[in-house]
Amino acid sequence: MPATDMAKELARTAAQAASDRLATDITAIDVADNLVLTDAFVIASASNERQVHAVVDNIEEQLLRRHQIKPIRREGTGENRWVLVDFGDITVHVFHEDDREYYGLDKLWGDCATIELPELEAQNAQ
């Protein structure tokens, strides 16, 4: 069963919030058929630890403001190299650029469907 409409909407909000803080290589992956704990992953990269922190903060702020959703769990905020934020329906991964390639989540979940991010695609086309 694919990700719920709510999970897709949360993923789009998180992706836009990441983009607003200049995160790069943003993708949303539908993992609902493979995991029971979450429906979607949002994965983004940042060039340094401060930017990782800023991206995570903005994602949390926007999901709270637009959807009244607070994080259930947060990991990795001490070093800000790979921060994982669990919102229930979605899990957000914000990586330092170097660490994203090393851990390879994109490859690990590469067989899963992606969630379209039309707002980001429109911005990138400009």
PDB file of N, CA and C in Angstrom:
ATOM      1  N   MET A   1       0.844  -1.183   0.000  1.00  0.00           N
ATOM      2  CA  MET A   1       0.000   0.000   0.000  1.00  0.00           C
ATOM      3  C   MET A   1       0.890   1.246   0.000  1.00  0.00           C
ATOM      4  N   PRO A   2       0.687   2.144  -0.930  1.00  0.00           N
ATOM      5  CA  PRO A   2       1.545   3.331  -1.012  1.00  0.00           C
ATOM      6  C   PRO A   2       1.327   4.294   0.156  1.00  0.00           C
ATOM      7  N   ALA A   3       2.205   5.271   0.249  1.00  0.00           N
ATOM      8  CA  ALA A   3       2.113   6.283   1.303  1.00  0.00           C
ATOM      9  C   ALA A   3       0.759   6.977   1.247  1.00  0.00           C
ATOM     10  N   THR A   4       0.269   7.355   2.409  1.00  0.00           N
ATOM     11  CA  THR A   4      -1.010   8.054   2.493  1.00  0.00           C
ATOM     12  C   THR A   4      -0.884   9.455   1.901  1.00  0.00           C
ATOM     13  N   ASP A   5      -2.025  10.033   1.564  1.00  0.00           N
ATOM     14  CA  ASP A   5      -2.026  11.405   1.055  1.00  0.00           C
ATOM     15  C   ASP A   5      -1.455  12.362   2.094  1.00  0.00           C
ATOM     16  N   MET A   6      -1.762  12.110   3.379  1.00  0.00           N
ATOM     17  CA  MET A   6      -1.232  12.964   4.443  1.00  0.00           C
ATOM     18  C   MET A   6       0.288  12.876   4.500  1.00  0.00           C
ATOM     19  N   ALA A   7       0.835  11.668   4.394  1.00  0.00           N
ATOM     20  CA  ALA A   7       2.291  11.503   4.413  1.00  0.00           C
ATOM     21  C   ALA A   7       2.927  12.233   3.230  1.00  0.00           C
ATOM     22  N   LYS A   8       2.296  12.158   2.070  1.00  0.00           N
ATOM     23  CA  LYS A   8       2.824  12.847   0.894  1.00  0.00           C
ATOM     24  C   LYS A   8       2.798  14.358   1.091  1.00  0.00           C
ATOM     25  N   GLU A   9       1.729  14.863   1.678  1.00  0.00           N
ATOM     26  CA  GLU A   9       1.635  16.301   1.939  1.00  0.00           C
ATOM     27  C   GLU A   9       2.687  16.747   2.954  1.00  0.00           C
ATOM     28  N   LEU A  10       2.876  15.961   4.005  1.00  0.00           N
ATOM     29  CA  LEU A  10       3.916  16.275   4.990  1.00  0.00           C
ATOM     30  C   LEU A  10       5.295  16.248   4.338  1.00  0.00           C
ATOM     31  N   ALA A  11       5.529  15.279   3.476  1.00  0.00           N
ATOM     32  CA  ALA A  11       6.816  15.182   2.781  1.00  0.00           C
ATOM     33  C   ALA A  11       7.049  16.407   1.901  1.00  0.00           C
ATOM     34  N   ARG A  12       6.022  16.864   1.220  1.00  0.00           N
ATOM     35  CA  ARG A  12       6.164  18.049   0.367  1.00  0.00           C
ATOM     36  C   ARG A  12       6.456  19.297   1.197  1.00  0.00           C
ATOM     37  N   THR A  13       5.774  19.420   2.336  1.00  0.00           N
ATOM     38  CA  THR A  13       6.037  20.555   3.223  1.00  0.00           C
ATOM     39  C   THR A  13       7.465  20.506   3.745  1.00  0.00           C
ATOM     40  N   ALA A  14       7.910  19.340   4.170  1.00  0.00           N
ATOM     41  CA  ALA A  14       9.276  19.191   4.681  1.00  0.00           C
ATOM     42  C   ALA A  14      10.300  19.494   3.591  1.00  0.00           C
ATOM     43  N   ALA A  15      10.051  19.021   2.390  1.00  0.00           N
ATOM     44  CA  ALA A  15      10.976  19.262   1.279  1.00  0.00           C
ATOM     45  C   ALA A  15      11.062  20.749   0.955  1.00  0.00           C
ATOM     46  N   GLN A  16       9.926  21.426   0.946  1.00  0.00           N
ATOM     47  CA  GLN A  16       9.932  22.865   0.671  1.00  0.00           C
ATOM     48  C   GLN A  16      10.653  23.618   1.782  1.00  0.00           C
ATOM     49  N   ALA A  17      10.429  23.221   3.030  1.00  0.00           N
ATOM     50  CA  ALA A  17      11.111  23.861   4.162  1.00  0.00           C
ATOM     51  C   ALA A  17      12.619  23.665   4.065  1.00  0.00           C
ATOM     52  N   ALA A  18      13.045  22.491   3.636  1.00  0.00           N
ATOM     53  CA  ALA A  18      14.478  22.237   3.446  1.00  0.00           C
ATOM     54  C   ALA A  18      15.030  23.128   2.333  1.00  0.00           C
ATOM     55  N   SER A  19      14.296  23.233   1.254  1.00  0.00           N
ATOM     56  CA  SER A  19      14.716  24.073   0.138  1.00  0.00           C
ATOM     57  C   SER A  19      14.817  25.539   0.550  1.00  0.00           C
ATOM     58  N   ASP A  20      13.899  25.983   1.387  1.00  0.00           N
ATOM     59  CA  ASP A  20      13.910  27.369   1.863  1.00  0.00           C
ATOM     60  C   ASP A  20      15.187  27.703   2.624  1.00  0.00           C
ATOM     61  N   ARG A  21      15.843  26.704   3.177  1.00  0.00           N
ATOM     62  CA  ARG A  21      17.109  26.902   3.900  1.00  0.00           C
ATOM     63  C   ARG A  21      18.302  26.418   3.069  1.00  0.00           C
ATOM     64  N   LEU A  22      18.063  26.357   1.755  1.00  0.00           N
ATOM     65  CA  LEU A  22      19.105  26.071   0.767  1.00  0.00           C
ATOM     66  C   LEU A  22      19.694  24.671   0.846  1.00  0.00           C
ATOM     67  N   ALA A  23      18.906  23.720   1.328  1.00  0.00           N
ATOM     68  CA  ALA A  23      19.323  22.319   1.252  1.00  0.00           C
ATOM     69  C   ALA A  23      19.374  21.920  -0.218  1.00  0.00           C
ATOM     70  N   THR A  24      20.172  20.914  -0.512  1.00  0.00           N
ATOM     71  CA  THR A  24      20.325  20.460  -1.895  1.00  0.00           C
ATOM     72  C   THR A  24      19.956  18.989  -2.004  1.00  0.00           C
ATOM     73  N   ASP A  25      19.801  18.549  -3.236  1.00  0.00           N
ATOM     74  CA  ASP A  25      19.547  17.134  -3.536  1.00  0.00           C
ATOM     75  C   ASP A  25      18.402  16.575  -2.682  1.00  0.00           C
ATOM     76  N   ILE A  26      17.291  17.287  -2.690  1.00  0.00           N
ATOM     77  CA  ILE A  26      16.142  16.922  -1.860  1.00  0.00           C
ATOM     78  C   ILE A  26      15.306  15.880  -2.593  1.00  0.00           C
ATOM     79  N   THR A  27      14.986  14.821  -1.892  1.00  0.00           N
ATOM     80  CA  THR A  27      14.168  13.764  -2.478  1.00  0.00           C
ATOM     81  C   THR A  27      13.194  13.243  -1.431  1.00  0.00           C
ATOM     82  N   ALA A  28      12.073  12.742  -1.891  1.00  0.00           N
ATOM     83  CA  ALA A  28      11.084  12.103  -1.015  1.00  0.00           C
ATOM     84  C   ALA A  28      10.820  10.705  -1.563  1.00  0.00           C
ATOM     85  N   ILE A  29      10.885   9.730  -0.674  1.00  0.00           N
ATOM     86  CA  ILE A  29      10.777   8.327  -1.070  1.00  0.00           C
ATOM     87  C   ILE A  29       9.607   7.678  -0.347  1.00  0.00           C
ATOM     88  N   ASP A  30       8.779   6.978  -1.088  1.00  0.00           N
ATOM     89  CA  ASP A  30       7.645   6.245  -0.530  1.00  0.00           C
ATOM     90  C   ASP A  30       8.141   4.881  -0.045  1.00  0.00           C
ATOM     91  N   VAL A  31       8.236   4.724   1.274  1.00  0.00           N
ATOM     92  CA  VAL A  31       8.732   3.466   1.856  1.00  0.00           C
ATOM     93  C   VAL A  31       7.613   2.676   2.537  1.00  0.00           C
ATOM     94  N   ALA A  32       6.365   3.068   2.299  1.00  0.00           N
ATOM     95  CA  ALA A  32       5.224   2.457   2.993  1.00  0.00           C
ATOM     96  C   ALA A  32       5.120   0.952   2.756  1.00  0.00           C
ATOM     97  N   ASP A  33       5.483   0.498   1.572  1.00  0.00           N
ATOM     98  CA  ASP A  33       5.398  -0.935   1.282  1.00  0.00           C
ATOM     99  C   ASP A  33       6.514  -1.740   1.941  1.00  0.00           C
ATOM    100  N   ASN A  34       7.548  -1.052   2.395  1.00  0.00           N
ATOM    101  CA  ASN A  34       8.714  -1.733   2.951  1.00  0.00           C
ATOM    102  C   ASN A  34       8.876  -1.583   4.459  1.00  0.00           C
ATOM    103  N   LEU A  35       8.269  -0.564   5.033  1.00  0.00           N
ATOM    104  CA  LEU A  35       8.393  -0.298   6.466  1.00  0.00           C
ATOM    105  C   LEU A  35       7.021  -0.116   7.098  1.00  0.00           C
ATOM    106  N   VAL A  36       6.888  -0.543   8.328  1.00  0.00           N
ATOM    107  CA  VAL A  36       5.620  -0.326   9.028  1.00  0.00           C
ATOM    108  C   VAL A  36       5.681   0.910   9.914  1.00  0.00           C
ATOM    109  N   LEU A  37       6.874   1.433  10.161  1.00  0.00           N
ATOM    110  CA  LEU A  37       7.039   2.545  11.093  1.00  0.00           C
ATOM    111  C   LEU A  37       6.778   3.908  10.484  1.00  0.00           C
ATOM    112  N   THR A  38       6.923   4.037   9.186  1.00  0.00           N
ATOM    113  CA  THR A  38       6.758   5.328   8.524  1.00  0.00           C
ATOM    114  C   THR A  38       6.344   5.100   7.076  1.00  0.00           C
ATOM    115  N   ASP A  39       5.736   6.104   6.475  1.00  0.00           N
ATOM    116  CA  ASP A  39       5.301   5.995   5.083  1.00  0.00           C
ATOM    117  C   ASP A  39       6.301   6.577   4.092  1.00  0.00           C
ATOM    118  N   ALA A  40       7.064   7.571   4.532  1.00  0.00           N
ATOM    119  CA  ALA A  40       7.940   8.259   3.586  1.00  0.00           C
ATOM    120  C   ALA A  40       9.206   8.757   4.264  1.00  0.00           C
ATOM    121  N   PHE A  41      10.261   8.813   3.475  1.00  0.00           N
ATOM    122  CA  PHE A  41      11.512   9.455   3.878  1.00  0.00           C
ATOM    123  C   PHE A  41      11.648  10.730   3.066  1.00  0.00           C
ATOM    124  N   VAL A  42      12.103  11.779   3.715  1.00  0.00           N
ATOM    125  CA  VAL A  42      12.568  12.966   3.014  1.00  0.00           C
ATOM    126  C   VAL A  42      14.057  13.040   3.303  1.00  0.00           C
ATOM    127  N   ILE A  43      14.852  13.118   2.251  1.00  0.00           N
ATOM    128  CA  ILE A  43      16.304  13.149   2.396  1.00  0.00           C
ATOM    129  C   ILE A  43      16.816  14.435   1.752  1.00  0.00           C
ATOM    130  N   ALA A  44      17.672  15.143   2.487  1.00  0.00           N
ATOM    131  CA  ALA A  44      18.240  16.396   1.987  1.00  0.00           C
ATOM    132  C   ALA A  44      19.689  16.506   2.427  1.00  0.00           C
ATOM    133  N   SER A  45      20.436  17.328   1.724  1.00  0.00           N
ATOM    134  CA  SER A  45      21.845  17.554   2.041  1.00  0.00           C
ATOM    135  C   SER A  45      22.082  19.018   2.369  1.00  0.00           C
ATOM    136  N   ALA A  46      23.099  19.240   3.210  1.00  0.00           N
ATOM    137  CA  ALA A  46      23.531  20.592   3.554  1.00  0.00           C
ATOM    138  C   ALA A  46      25.054  20.616   3.541  1.00  0.00           C
ATOM    139  N   SER A  47      25.611  21.781   3.281  1.00  0.00           N
ATOM    140  CA  SER A  47      27.055  21.867   3.070  1.00  0.00           C
ATOM    141  C   SER A  47      27.880  21.914   4.349  1.00  0.00           C
ATOM    142  N   ASN A  48      27.259  22.216   5.486  1.00  0.00           N
ATOM    143  CA  ASN A  48      28.000  22.260   6.745  1.00  0.00           C
ATOM    144  C   ASN A  48      27.054  21.993   7.915  1.00  0.00           C
ATOM    145  N   GLU A  49      27.619  21.839   9.099  1.00  0.00           N
ATOM    146  CA  GLU A  49      26.830  21.466  10.269  1.00  0.00           C
ATOM    147  C   GLU A  49      25.808  22.533  10.647  1.00  0.00           C
ATOM    148  N   ARG A  50      26.181  23.801  10.523  1.00  0.00           N
ATOM    149  CA  ARG A  50      25.236  24.880  10.853  1.00  0.00           C
ATOM    150  C   ARG A  50      24.039  24.864   9.915  1.00  0.00           C
ATOM    151  N   GLN A  51      24.297  24.582   8.656  1.00  0.00           N
ATOM    152  CA  GLN A  51      23.196  24.525   7.705  1.00  0.00           C
ATOM    153  C   GLN A  51      22.315  23.315   7.978  1.00  0.00           C
ATOM    154  N   VAL A  52      22.903  22.179   8.340  1.00  0.00           N
ATOM    155  CA  VAL A  52      22.100  21.010   8.717  1.00  0.00           C
ATOM    156  C   VAL A  52      21.140  21.407   9.828  1.00  0.00           C
ATOM    157  N   HIS A  53      21.652  22.090  10.837  1.00  0.00           N
ATOM    158  CA  HIS A  53      20.823  22.527  11.973  1.00  0.00           C
ATOM    159  C   HIS A  53      19.706  23.469  11.505  1.00  0.00           C
ATOM    160  N   ALA A  54      20.040  24.431  10.649  1.00  0.00           N
ATOM    161  CA  ALA A  54      19.045  25.388  10.158  1.00  0.00           C
ATOM    162  C   ALA A  54      17.957  24.693   9.344  1.00  0.00           C
ATOM    163  N   VAL A  55      18.340  23.736   8.523  1.00  0.00           N
ATOM    164  CA  VAL A  55      17.367  22.994   7.707  1.00  0.00           C
ATOM    165  C   VAL A  55      16.412  22.221   8.610  1.00  0.00           C
ATOM    166  N   VAL A  56      16.958  21.507   9.586  1.00  0.00           N
ATOM    167  CA  VAL A  56      16.125  20.722  10.508  1.00  0.00           C
ATOM    168  C   VAL A  56      15.176  21.636  11.273  1.00  0.00           C
ATOM    169  N   ASP A  57      15.682  22.753  11.785  1.00  0.00           N
ATOM    170  CA  ASP A  57      14.830  23.688  12.526  1.00  0.00           C
ATOM    171  C   ASP A  57      13.675  24.189  11.669  1.00  0.00           C
ATOM    172  N   ASN A  58      13.954  24.547  10.412  1.00  0.00           N
ATOM    173  CA  ASN A  58      12.893  25.065   9.555  1.00  0.00           C
ATOM    174  C   ASN A  58      11.866  23.992   9.209  1.00  0.00           C
ATOM    175  N   ILE A  59      12.308  22.770   9.002  1.00  0.00           N
ATOM    176  CA  ILE A  59      11.364  21.682   8.738  1.00  0.00           C
ATOM    177  C   ILE A  59      10.432  21.506   9.933  1.00  0.00           C
ATOM    178  N   GLU A  60      10.997  21.487  11.136  1.00  0.00           N
ATOM    179  CA  GLU A  60      10.165  21.338  12.334  1.00  0.00           C
ATOM    180  C   GLU A  60       9.185  22.497  12.472  1.00  0.00           C
ATOM    181  N   GLU A  61       9.656  23.731  12.245  1.00  0.00           N
ATOM    182  CA  GLU A  61       8.787  24.910  12.351  1.00  0.00           C
ATOM    183  C   GLU A  61       7.641  24.854  11.348  1.00  0.00           C
ATOM    184  N   GLN A  62       7.944  24.512  10.101  1.00  0.00           N
ATOM    185  CA  GLN A  62       6.917  24.502   9.059  1.00  0.00           C
ATOM    186  C   GLN A  62       5.896  23.381   9.254  1.00  0.00           C
ATOM    187  N   LEU A  63       6.346  22.210   9.678  1.00  0.00           N
ATOM    188  CA  LEU A  63       5.392  21.121   9.920  1.00  0.00           C
ATOM    189  C   LEU A  63       4.491  21.444  11.104  1.00  0.00           C
ATOM    190  N   LEU A  64       5.024  22.127  12.107  1.00  0.00           N
ATOM    191  CA  LEU A  64       4.194  22.544  13.239  1.00  0.00           C
ATOM    192  C   LEU A  64       3.208  23.627  12.800  1.00  0.00           C
ATOM    193  N   ARG A  65       3.695  24.623  12.077  1.00  0.00           N
ATOM    194  CA  ARG A  65       2.841  25.742  11.672  1.00  0.00           C
ATOM    195  C   ARG A  65       1.752  25.310  10.688  1.00  0.00           C
ATOM    196  N   ARG A  66       2.099  24.510   9.702  1.00  0.00           N
ATOM    197  CA  ARG A  66       1.141  24.159   8.652  1.00  0.00           C
ATOM    198  C   ARG A  66       0.281  22.938   8.965  1.00  0.00           C
ATOM    199  N   HIS A  67       0.812  22.013   9.771  1.00  0.00           N
ATOM    200  CA  HIS A  67       0.099  20.751   9.993  1.00  0.00           C
ATOM    201  C   HIS A  67      -0.078  20.386  11.467  1.00  0.00           C
ATOM    202  N   GLN A  68       0.408  21.248  12.364  1.00  0.00           N
ATOM    203  CA  GLN A  68       0.332  20.993  13.803  1.00  0.00           C
ATOM    204  C   GLN A  68       0.974  19.650  14.180  1.00  0.00           C
ATOM    205  N   ILE A  69       2.080  19.338  13.536  1.00  0.00           N
ATOM    206  CA  ILE A  69       2.810  18.087  13.763  1.00  0.00           C
ATOM    207  C   ILE A  69       4.122  18.413  14.473  1.00  0.00           C
ATOM    208  N   LYS A  70       4.372  17.713  15.573  1.00  0.00           N
ATOM    209  CA  LYS A  70       5.641  17.854  16.292  1.00  0.00           C
ATOM    210  C   LYS A  70       6.454  16.570  16.123  1.00  0.00           C
ATOM    211  N   PRO A  71       7.774  16.684  16.215  1.00  0.00           N
ATOM    212  CA  PRO A  71       8.594  15.476  16.102  1.00  0.00           C
ATOM    213  C   PRO A  71       8.365  14.522  17.263  1.00  0.00           C
ATOM    214  N   ILE A  72       8.365  13.239  16.954  1.00  0.00           N
ATOM    215  CA  ILE A  72       8.264  12.200  17.975  1.00  0.00           C
ATOM    216  C   ILE A  72       9.646  11.935  18.555  1.00  0.00           C
ATOM    217  N   ARG A  73      10.638  11.974  17.676  1.00  0.00           N
ATOM    218  CA  ARG A  73      12.002  11.652  18.087  1.00  0.00           C
ATOM    219  C   ARG A  73      12.987  12.360  17.165  1.00  0.00           C
ATOM    220  N   ARG A  74      14.118  12.732  17.742  1.00  0.00           N
ATOM    221  CA  ARG A  74      15.161  13.417  16.989  1.00  0.00           C
ATOM    222  C   ARG A  74      16.504  12.806  17.373  1.00  0.00           C
ATOM    223  N   GLU A  75      17.321  12.504  16.395  1.00  0.00           N
ATOM    224  CA  GLU A  75      18.648  11.927  16.651  1.00  0.00           C
ATOM    225  C   GLU A  75      19.694  12.640  15.808  1.00  0.00           C
ATOM    226  N   GLY A  76      20.904  12.748  16.341  1.00  0.00           N
ATOM    227  CA  GLY A  76      22.025  13.296  15.595  1.00  0.00           C
ATOM    228  C   GLY A  76      22.229  14.783  15.721  1.00  0.00           C
ATOM    229  N   THR A  77      21.491  15.447  16.606  1.00  0.00           N
ATOM    230  CA  THR A  77      21.598  16.900  16.710  1.00  0.00           C
ATOM    231  C   THR A  77      22.874  17.352  17.410  1.00  0.00           C
ATOM    232  N   GLY A  78      23.561  16.455  18.078  1.00  0.00           N
ATOM    233  CA  GLY A  78      24.811  16.832  18.740  1.00  0.00           C
ATOM    234  C   GLY A  78      25.901  17.203  17.756  1.00  0.00           C
ATOM    235  N   GLU A  79      26.067  16.381  16.732  1.00  0.00           N
ATOM    236  CA  GLU A  79      27.127  16.624  15.746  1.00  0.00           C
ATOM    237  C   GLU A  79      26.615  17.308  14.484  1.00  0.00           C
ATOM    238  N   ASN A  80      25.326  17.191  14.208  1.00  0.00           N
ATOM    239  CA  ASN A  80      24.722  17.781  13.011  1.00  0.00           C
ATOM    240  C   ASN A  80      25.401  17.333  11.719  1.00  0.00           C
ATOM    241  N   ARG A  81      25.731  16.050  11.643  1.00  0.00           N
ATOM    242  CA  ARG A  81      26.270  15.471  10.412  1.00  0.00           C
ATOM    243  C   ARG A  81      25.181  14.662   9.693  1.00  0.00           C
ATOM    244  N   TRP A  82      24.359  13.990  10.470  1.00  0.00           N
ATOM    245  CA  TRP A  82      23.189  13.268   9.960  1.00  0.00           C
ATOM    246  C   TRP A  82      22.131  13.391  11.042  1.00  0.00           C
ATOM    247  N   VAL A  83      21.139  14.200  10.779  1.00  0.00           N
ATOM    248  CA  VAL A  83      20.054  14.390  11.735  1.00  0.00           C
ATOM    249  C   VAL A  83      18.825  13.677  11.197  1.00  0.00           C
ATOM    250  N   LEU A  84      18.252  12.824  12.027  1.00  0.00           N
ATOM    251  CA  LEU A  84      17.040  12.081  11.704  1.00  0.00           C
ATOM    252  C   LEU A  84      15.933  12.628  12.590  1.00  0.00           C
ATOM    253  N   VAL A  85      14.816  12.999  11.981  1.00  0.00           N
ATOM    254  CA  VAL A  85      13.666  13.491  12.734  1.00  0.00           C
ATOM    255  C   VAL A  85      12.455  12.651  12.346  1.00  0.00           C
ATOM    256  N   ASP A  86      11.868  12.007  13.349  1.00  0.00           N
ATOM    257  CA  ASP A  86      10.716  11.126  13.146  1.00  0.00           C
ATOM    258  C   ASP A  86       9.442  11.903  13.447  1.00  0.00           C
ATOM    259  N   PHE A  87       8.602  12.061  12.433  1.00  0.00           N
ATOM    260  CA  PHE A  87       7.311  12.721  12.590  1.00  0.00           C
ATOM    261  C   PHE A  87       6.157  11.721  12.527  1.00  0.00           C
ATOM    262  N   GLY A  88       6.442  10.445  12.609  1.00  0.00           N
ATOM    263  CA  GLY A  88       5.405   9.421  12.518  1.00  0.00           C
ATOM    264  C   GLY A  88       5.168   9.004  11.082  1.00  0.00           C
ATOM    265  N   ASP A  89       4.352   9.759  10.365  1.00  0.00           N
ATOM    266  CA  ASP A  89       4.045   9.427   8.970  1.00  0.00           C
ATOM    267  C   ASP A  89       5.249   9.585   8.051  1.00  0.00           C
ATOM    268  N   ILE A  90       6.142  10.509   8.404  1.00  0.00           N
ATOM    269  CA  ILE A  90       7.364  10.693   7.616  1.00  0.00           C
ATOM    270  C   ILE A  90       8.574  10.724   8.544  1.00  0.00           C
ATOM    271  N   THR A  91       9.709  10.372   7.979  1.00  0.00           N
ATOM    272  CA  THR A  91      10.982  10.496   8.677  1.00  0.00           C
ATOM    273  C   THR A  91      11.891  11.336   7.796  1.00  0.00           C
ATOM    274  N   VAL A  92      12.472  12.364   8.400  1.00  0.00           N
ATOM    275  CA  VAL A  92      13.334  13.288   7.671  1.00  0.00           C
ATOM    276  C   VAL A  92      14.792  12.980   8.002  1.00  0.00           C
ATOM    277  N   HIS A  93      15.616  12.904   6.966  1.00  0.00           N
ATOM    278  CA  HIS A  93      17.059  12.708   7.115  1.00  0.00           C
ATOM    279  C   HIS A  93      17.749  13.910   6.478  1.00  0.00           C
ATOM    280  N   VAL A  94      18.484  14.677   7.282  1.00  0.00           N
ATOM    281  CA  VAL A  94      19.270  15.783   6.739  1.00  0.00           C
ATOM    282  C   VAL A  94      20.738  15.452   6.978  1.00  0.00           C
ATOM    283  N   PHE A  95      21.467  15.354   5.887  1.00  0.00           N
ATOM    284  CA  PHE A  95      22.869  14.933   5.918  1.00  0.00           C
ATOM    285  C   PHE A  95      23.812  16.083   5.594  1.00  0.00           C
ATOM    286  N   HIS A  96      24.980  16.044   6.204  1.00  0.00           N
ATOM    287  CA  HIS A  96      26.117  16.792   5.671  1.00  0.00           C
ATOM    288  C   HIS A  96      26.429  16.115   4.337  1.00  0.00           C
ATOM    289  N   GLU A  97      26.769  16.884   3.333  1.00  0.00           N
ATOM    290  CA  GLU A  97      26.963  16.333   1.982  1.00  0.00           C
ATOM    291  C   GLU A  97      27.891  15.118   1.956  1.00  0.00           C
ATOM    292  N   ASP A  98      28.987  15.177   2.710  1.00  0.00           N
ATOM    293  CA  ASP A  98      29.950  14.070   2.709  1.00  0.00           C
ATOM    294  C   ASP A  98      29.351  12.788   3.279  1.00  0.00           C
ATOM    295  N   ASP A  99      28.540  12.930   4.312  1.00  0.00           N
ATOM    296  CA  ASP A  99      27.981  11.760   4.988  1.00  0.00           C
ATOM    297  C   ASP A  99      26.851  11.114   4.203  1.00  0.00           C
ATOM    298  N   ARG A 100      26.145  11.888   3.414  1.00  0.00           N
ATOM    299  CA  ARG A 100      25.035  11.321   2.646  1.00  0.00           C
ATOM    300  C   ARG A 100      25.522  10.236   1.693  1.00  0.00           C
ATOM    301  N   GLU A 101      26.582  10.520   1.004  1.00  0.00           N
ATOM    302  CA  GLU A 101      27.117   9.525   0.070  1.00  0.00           C
ATOM    303  C   GLU A 101      27.641   8.304   0.820  1.00  0.00           C
ATOM    304  N   TYR A 102      28.288   8.535   1.939  1.00  0.00           N
ATOM    305  CA  TYR A 102      28.864   7.436   2.716  1.00  0.00           C
ATOM    306  C   TYR A 102      27.787   6.456   3.184  1.00  0.00           C
ATOM    307  N   TYR A 103      26.683   6.971   3.739  1.00  0.00           N
ATOM    308  CA  TYR A 103      25.638   6.093   4.271  1.00  0.00           C
ATOM    309  C   TYR A 103      24.724   5.525   3.188  1.00  0.00           C
ATOM    310  N   GLY A 104      24.576   6.203   2.076  1.00  0.00           N
ATOM    311  CA  GLY A 104      23.905   5.659   0.902  1.00  0.00           C
ATOM    312  C   GLY A 104      22.434   5.297   1.052  1.00  0.00           C
ATOM    313  N   LEU A 105      21.664   6.089   1.803  1.00  0.00           N
ATOM    314  CA  LEU A 105      20.226   5.788   1.925  1.00  0.00           C
ATOM    315  C   LEU A 105      19.526   5.812   0.572  1.00  0.00           C
ATOM    316  N   ASP A 106      19.963   6.714  -0.297  1.00  0.00           N
ATOM    317  CA  ASP A 106      19.341   6.800  -1.624  1.00  0.00           C
ATOM    318  C   ASP A 106      19.484   5.478  -2.379  1.00  0.00           C
ATOM    319  N   LYS A 107      20.637   4.858  -2.269  1.00  0.00           N
ATOM    320  CA  LYS A 107      20.861   3.573  -2.939  1.00  0.00           C
ATOM    321  C   LYS A 107      20.107   2.454  -2.234  1.00  0.00           C
ATOM    322  N   LEU A 108      20.113   2.484  -0.912  1.00  0.00           N
ATOM    323  CA  LEU A 108      19.437   1.450  -0.130  1.00  0.00           C
ATOM    324  C   LEU A 108      17.947   1.392  -0.453  1.00  0.00           C
ATOM    325  N   TRP A 109      17.322   2.546  -0.611  1.00  0.00           N
ATOM    326  CA  TRP A 109      15.887   2.622  -0.880  1.00  0.00           C
ATOM    327  C   TRP A 109      15.605   2.953  -2.341  1.00  0.00           C
ATOM    328  N   GLY A 110      16.576   2.749  -3.215  1.00  0.00           N
ATOM    329  CA  GLY A 110      16.456   3.107  -4.620  1.00  0.00           C
ATOM    330  C   GLY A 110      15.362   2.385  -5.385  1.00  0.00           C
ATOM    331  N   ASP A 111      14.916   1.233  -4.891  1.00  0.00           N
ATOM    332  CA  ASP A 111      13.845   0.495  -5.565  1.00  0.00           C
ATOM    333  C   ASP A 111      12.458   1.030  -5.233  1.00  0.00           C
ATOM    334  N   CYS A 112      12.372   1.902  -4.252  1.00  0.00           N
ATOM    335  CA  CYS A 112      11.073   2.448  -3.836  1.00  0.00           C
ATOM    336  C   CYS A 112      10.664   3.597  -4.755  1.00  0.00           C
ATOM    337  N   ALA A 113       9.371   3.813  -4.829  1.00  0.00           N
ATOM    338  CA  ALA A 113       8.844   4.921  -5.624  1.00  0.00           C
ATOM    339  C   ALA A 113       9.204   6.251  -4.969  1.00  0.00           C
ATOM    340  N   THR A 114       9.376   7.259  -5.796  1.00  0.00           N
ATOM    341  CA  THR A 114       9.604   8.593  -5.253  1.00  0.00           C
ATOM    342  C   THR A 114       8.270   9.328  -5.175  1.00  0.00           C
ATOM    343  N   ILE A 115       8.230  10.299  -4.302  1.00  0.00           N
ATOM    344  CA  ILE A 115       7.061  11.165  -4.162  1.00  0.00           C
ATOM    345  C   ILE A 115       7.370  12.441  -4.937  1.00  0.00           C
ATOM    346  N   GLU A 116       6.483  12.804  -5.824  1.00  0.00           N
ATOM    347  CA  GLU A 116       6.711  13.999  -6.634  1.00  0.00           C
ATOM    348  C   GLU A 116       6.713  15.238  -5.756  1.00  0.00           C
ATOM    349  N   LEU A 117       7.617  16.150  -6.078  1.00  0.00           N
ATOM    350  CA  LEU A 117       7.744  17.414  -5.360  1.00  0.00           C
ATOM    351  C   LEU A 117       7.579  18.546  -6.371  1.00  0.00           C
ATOM    352  N   PRO A 118       6.342  18.792  -6.826  1.00  0.00           N
ATOM    353  CA  PRO A 118       6.134  19.737  -7.929  1.00  0.00           C
ATOM    354  C   PRO A 118       6.594  21.160  -7.622  1.00  0.00           C
ATOM    355  N   GLU A 119       6.490  21.599  -6.369  1.00  0.00           N
ATOM    356  CA  GLU A 119       6.914  22.956  -6.028  1.00  0.00           C
ATOM    357  C   GLU A 119       8.416  23.111  -6.236  1.00  0.00           C
ATOM    358  N   LEU A 120       9.178  22.109  -5.816  1.00  0.00           N
ATOM    359  CA  LEU A 120      10.632  22.171  -5.983  1.00  0.00           C
ATOM    360  C   LEU A 120      11.018  22.054  -7.446  1.00  0.00           C
ATOM    361  N   GLU A 121      10.317  21.200  -8.181  1.00  0.00           N
ATOM    362  CA  GLU A 121      10.609  21.041  -9.603  1.00  0.00           C
ATOM    363  C   GLU A 121      10.353  22.345 -10.350  1.00  0.00           C
ATOM    364  N   ALA A 122       9.290  23.061  -9.975  1.00  0.00           N
ATOM    365  CA  ALA A 122       8.981  24.341 -10.608  1.00  0.00           C
ATOM    366  C   ALA A 122      10.052  25.378 -10.275  1.00  0.00           C
ATOM    367  N   GLN A 123      10.523  25.393  -9.031  1.00  0.00           N
ATOM    368  CA  GLN A 123      11.583  26.326  -8.634  1.00  0.00           C
ATOM    369  C   GLN A 123      12.869  26.035  -9.385  1.00  0.00           C
ATOM    370  N   ASN A 124      13.207  24.765  -9.526  1.00  0.00           N
ATOM    371  CA  ASN A 124      14.445  24.389 -10.201  1.00  0.00           C
ATOM    372  C   ASN A 124      14.401  24.694 -11.694  1.00  0.00           C
ATOM    373  N   ALA A 125      13.209  24.740 -12.272  1.00  0.00           N
ATOM    374  CA  ALA A 125      13.059  25.015 -13.697  1.00  0.00           C
ATOM    375  C   ALA A 125      13.268  26.497 -14.015  1.00  0.00           C
ATOM    376  N   GLN A 126      13.137  27.343 -13.005  1.00  0.00           N
ATOM    377  CA  GLN A 126      13.256  28.796 -13.240  1.00  0.00           C
ATOM    378  C   GLN A 126      14.677  29.242 -13.406  1.00  0.00           C
TER     379      GLN A 126
END
